[in-house]
PDB file of N, CA and C in Angstrom:
ATOM      1  N   MET A   1      -0.218  -9.877 -12.962  1.00  0.00           N
ATOM      2  CA  MET A   1      -0.976  -8.645 -13.219  1.00  0.00           C
ATOM      3  C   MET A   1      -1.529  -8.104 -11.900  1.00  0.00           C
ATOM      4  N   TYR A   2      -2.112  -9.003 -11.087  1.00  0.00           N
ATOM      5  CA  TYR A   2      -2.672  -8.564  -9.806  1.00  0.00           C
ATOM      6  C   TYR A   2      -1.560  -8.146  -8.845  1.00  0.00           C
ATOM      7  N   GLU A   3      -0.425  -8.837  -8.920  1.00  0.00           N
ATOM      8  CA  GLU A   3       0.696  -8.486  -8.032  1.00  0.00           C
ATOM      9  C   GLU A   3       1.134  -7.053  -8.299  1.00  0.00           C
ATOM     10  N   LYS A   4       1.263  -6.701  -9.575  1.00  0.00           N
ATOM     11  CA  LYS A   4       1.683  -5.346  -9.939  1.00  0.00           C
ATOM     12  C   LYS A   4       0.680  -4.333  -9.404  1.00  0.00           C
ATOM     13  N   PHE A   5      -0.611  -4.684  -9.505  1.00  0.00           N
ATOM     14  CA  PHE A   5      -1.671  -3.795  -9.019  1.00  0.00           C
ATOM     15  C   PHE A   5      -1.534  -3.586  -7.515  1.00  0.00           C
ATOM     16  N   LEU A   6      -1.371  -4.677  -6.779  1.00  0.00           N
ATOM     17  CA  LEU A   6      -1.246  -4.593  -5.317  1.00  0.00           C
ATOM     18  C   LEU A   6      -0.005  -3.806  -4.925  1.00  0.00           C
ATOM     19  N   ILE A   7       1.101  -4.043  -5.634  1.00  0.00           N
ATOM     20  CA  ILE A   7       2.344  -3.331  -5.324  1.00  0.00           C
ATOM     21  C   ILE A   7       2.156  -1.834  -5.550  1.00  0.00           C
ATOM     22  N   TYR A   8       1.545  -1.474  -6.666  1.00  0.00           N
ATOM     23  CA  TYR A   8       1.332  -0.055  -6.980  1.00  0.00           C
ATOM     24  C   TYR A   8       0.373   0.564  -5.974  1.00  0.00           C
ATOM     25  N   PHE A   9      -0.706  -0.168  -5.635  1.00  0.00           N
ATOM     26  CA  PHE A   9      -1.689   0.326  -4.670  1.00  0.00           C
ATOM     27  C   PHE A   9      -1.028   0.544  -3.318  1.00  0.00           C
ATOM     28  N   SER A  10      -0.189  -0.422  -2.921  1.00  0.00           N
ATOM     29  CA  SER A  10       0.516  -0.339  -1.646  1.00  0.00           C
ATOM     30  C   SER A  10       1.441   0.878  -1.653  1.00  0.00           C
ATOM     31  N   TYR A  11       2.061   1.133  -2.813  1.00  0.00           N
ATOM     32  CA  TYR A  11       2.973   2.266  -2.952  1.00  0.00           C
ATOM     33  C   TYR A  11       2.236   3.571  -2.695  1.00  0.00           C
ATOM     34  N   ILE A  12       1.037   3.690  -3.293  1.00  0.00           N
ATOM     35  CA  ILE A  12       0.241   4.912  -3.110  1.00  0.00           C
ATOM     36  C   ILE A  12      -0.204   5.020  -1.656  1.00  0.00           C
ATOM     37  N   HIS A  13      -0.524   3.881  -1.048  1.00  0.00           N
ATOM     38  CA  HIS A  13      -1.000   3.879   0.337  1.00  0.00           C
ATOM     39  C   HIS A  13       0.093   4.377   1.280  1.00  0.00           C
ATOM     40  N   HIS A  14       1.331   4.007   1.009  1.00  0.00           N
ATOM     41  CA  HIS A  14       2.448   4.412   1.860  1.00  0.00           C
ATOM     42  C   HIS A  14       2.919   5.832   1.544  1.00  0.00           C
ATOM     43  N   PHE A  15       2.565   6.322   0.354  1.00  0.00           N
ATOM     44  CA  PHE A  15       2.964   7.680  -0.023  1.00  0.00           C
ATOM     45  C   PHE A  15       1.726   8.446  -0.502  1.00  0.00           C
ATOM     46  N   PRO A  16       0.861   8.861   0.446  1.00  0.00           N
ATOM     47  CA  PRO A  16      -0.399   9.545   0.126  1.00  0.00           C
ATOM     48  C   PRO A  16      -0.231  10.709  -0.836  1.00  0.00           C
ATOM     49  N   PHE A  17       0.893  11.412  -0.736  1.00  0.00           N
ATOM     50  CA  PHE A  17       1.080  12.582  -1.602  1.00  0.00           C
ATOM     51  C   PHE A  17       1.143  12.176  -3.076  1.00  0.00           C
ATOM     52  N   ILE A  18       1.431  10.911  -3.343  1.00  0.00           N
ATOM     53  CA  ILE A  18       1.493  10.441  -4.730  1.00  0.00           C
ATOM     54  C   ILE A  18       0.086  10.176  -5.263  1.00  0.00           C
ATOM     55  N   ALA A  19      -0.903  10.164  -4.368  1.00  0.00           N
ATOM     56  CA  ALA A  19      -2.287   9.898  -4.781  1.00  0.00           C
ATOM     57  C   ALA A  19      -2.741  10.914  -5.824  1.00  0.00           C
ATOM     58  N   SER A  20      -2.074  12.061  -5.871  1.00  0.00           N
ATOM     59  CA  SER A  20      -2.434  13.075  -6.860  1.00  0.00           C
ATOM     60  C   SER A  20      -2.143  12.566  -8.271  1.00  0.00           C
ATOM     61  N   SER A  21      -1.367  11.494  -8.373  1.00  0.00           N
ATOM     62  CA  SER A  21      -1.032  10.917  -9.682  1.00  0.00           C
ATOM     63  C   SER A  21      -1.933   9.727 -10.003  1.00  0.00           C
ATOM     64  N   ARG A  22      -3.144   9.759  -9.433  1.00  0.00           N
ATOM     65  CA  ARG A  22      -4.066   8.641  -9.671  1.00  0.00           C
ATOM     66  C   ARG A  22      -4.408   8.506 -11.148  1.00  0.00           C
ATOM     67  N   LEU A  23      -4.283   9.587 -11.880  1.00  0.00           N
ATOM     68  CA  LEU A  23      -4.564   9.512 -13.324  1.00  0.00           C
ATOM     69  C   LEU A  23      -3.592   8.536 -13.980  1.00  0.00           C
ATOM     70  N   SER A  24      -2.317   8.648 -13.626  1.00  0.00           N
ATOM     71  CA  SER A  24      -1.306   7.732 -14.169  1.00  0.00           C
ATOM     72  C   SER A  24      -1.622   6.306 -13.730  1.00  0.00           C
ATOM     73  N   PHE A  25      -2.071   6.161 -12.488  1.00  0.00           N
ATOM     74  CA  PHE A  25      -2.405   4.833 -11.952  1.00  0.00           C
ATOM     75  C   PHE A  25      -3.528   4.211 -12.775  1.00  0.00           C
ATOM     76  N   THR A  26      -4.547   5.024 -13.096  1.00  0.00           N
ATOM     77  CA  THR A  26      -5.684   4.533 -13.893  1.00  0.00           C
ATOM     78  C   THR A  26      -5.215   4.116 -15.274  1.00  0.00           C
ATOM     79  N   ILE A  27      -4.352   4.926 -15.885  1.00  0.00           N
ATOM     80  CA  ILE A  27      -3.840   4.609 -17.228  1.00  0.00           C
ATOM     81  C   ILE A  27      -3.076   3.283 -17.187  1.00  0.00           C
ATOM     82  N   ILE A  28      -2.263   3.090 -16.148  1.00  0.00           N
ATOM     83  CA  ILE A  28      -1.484   1.849 -16.024  1.00  0.00           C
ATOM     84  C   ILE A  28      -2.441   0.664 -15.897  1.00  0.00           C
ATOM     85  N   CYS A  29      -3.519   0.833 -15.115  1.00  0.00           N
ATOM     86  CA  CYS A  29      -4.492  -0.251 -14.925  1.00  0.00           C
ATOM     87  C   CYS A  29      -5.117  -0.622 -16.259  1.00  0.00           C
ATOM     88  N   ILE A  30      -5.533   0.387 -17.017  1.00  0.00           N
ATOM     89  CA  ILE A  30      -6.174   0.137 -18.316  1.00  0.00           C
ATOM     90  C   ILE A  30      -5.194  -0.571 -19.251  1.00  0.00           C
ATOM     91  N   LYS A  31      -3.950  -0.130 -19.262  1.00  0.00           N
ATOM     92  CA  LYS A  31      -2.946  -0.759 -20.133  1.00  0.00           C
ATOM     93  C   LYS A  31      -2.719  -2.208 -19.725  1.00  0.00           C
ATOM     94  N   ASP A  32      -2.682  -2.454 -18.407  1.00  0.00           N
ATOM     95  CA  ASP A  32      -2.469  -3.824 -17.919  1.00  0.00           C
ATOM     96  C   ASP A  32      -3.636  -4.722 -18.329  1.00  0.00           C
ATOM     97  N   LYS A  33      -4.861  -4.221 -18.203  1.00  0.00           N
ATOM     98  CA  LYS A  33      -6.032  -5.032 -18.557  1.00  0.00           C
ATOM     99  C   LYS A  33      -6.107  -5.227 -20.063  1.00  0.00           C
ATOM    100  N   GLY A  34      -5.554  -4.273 -20.800  1.00  0.00           N
ATOM    101  CA  GLY A  34      -5.592  -4.362 -22.257  1.00  0.00           C
ATOM    102  C   GLY A  34      -4.695  -5.470 -22.787  1.00  0.00           C
ATOM    103  N   ARG A  35      -3.708  -5.888 -21.972  1.00  0.00           N
ATOM    104  CA  ARG A  35      -2.780  -6.924 -22.438  1.00  0.00           C
ATOM    105  C   ARG A  35      -3.469  -8.268 -22.535  1.00  0.00           C
TER     106      ARG A  35
END
C-alpha cells in the first residue's frame, strides 16, 4: 500500500503538470486506505 503511494507521489513529483489531478490522487488514497 505504501509502495503504491510512494510510486504515485514520485510520479507527480517528476511530472508537476499532473499535480492538477491531485483530486484523483486523493480519491486513490482514500480507496487504498478503505481496503
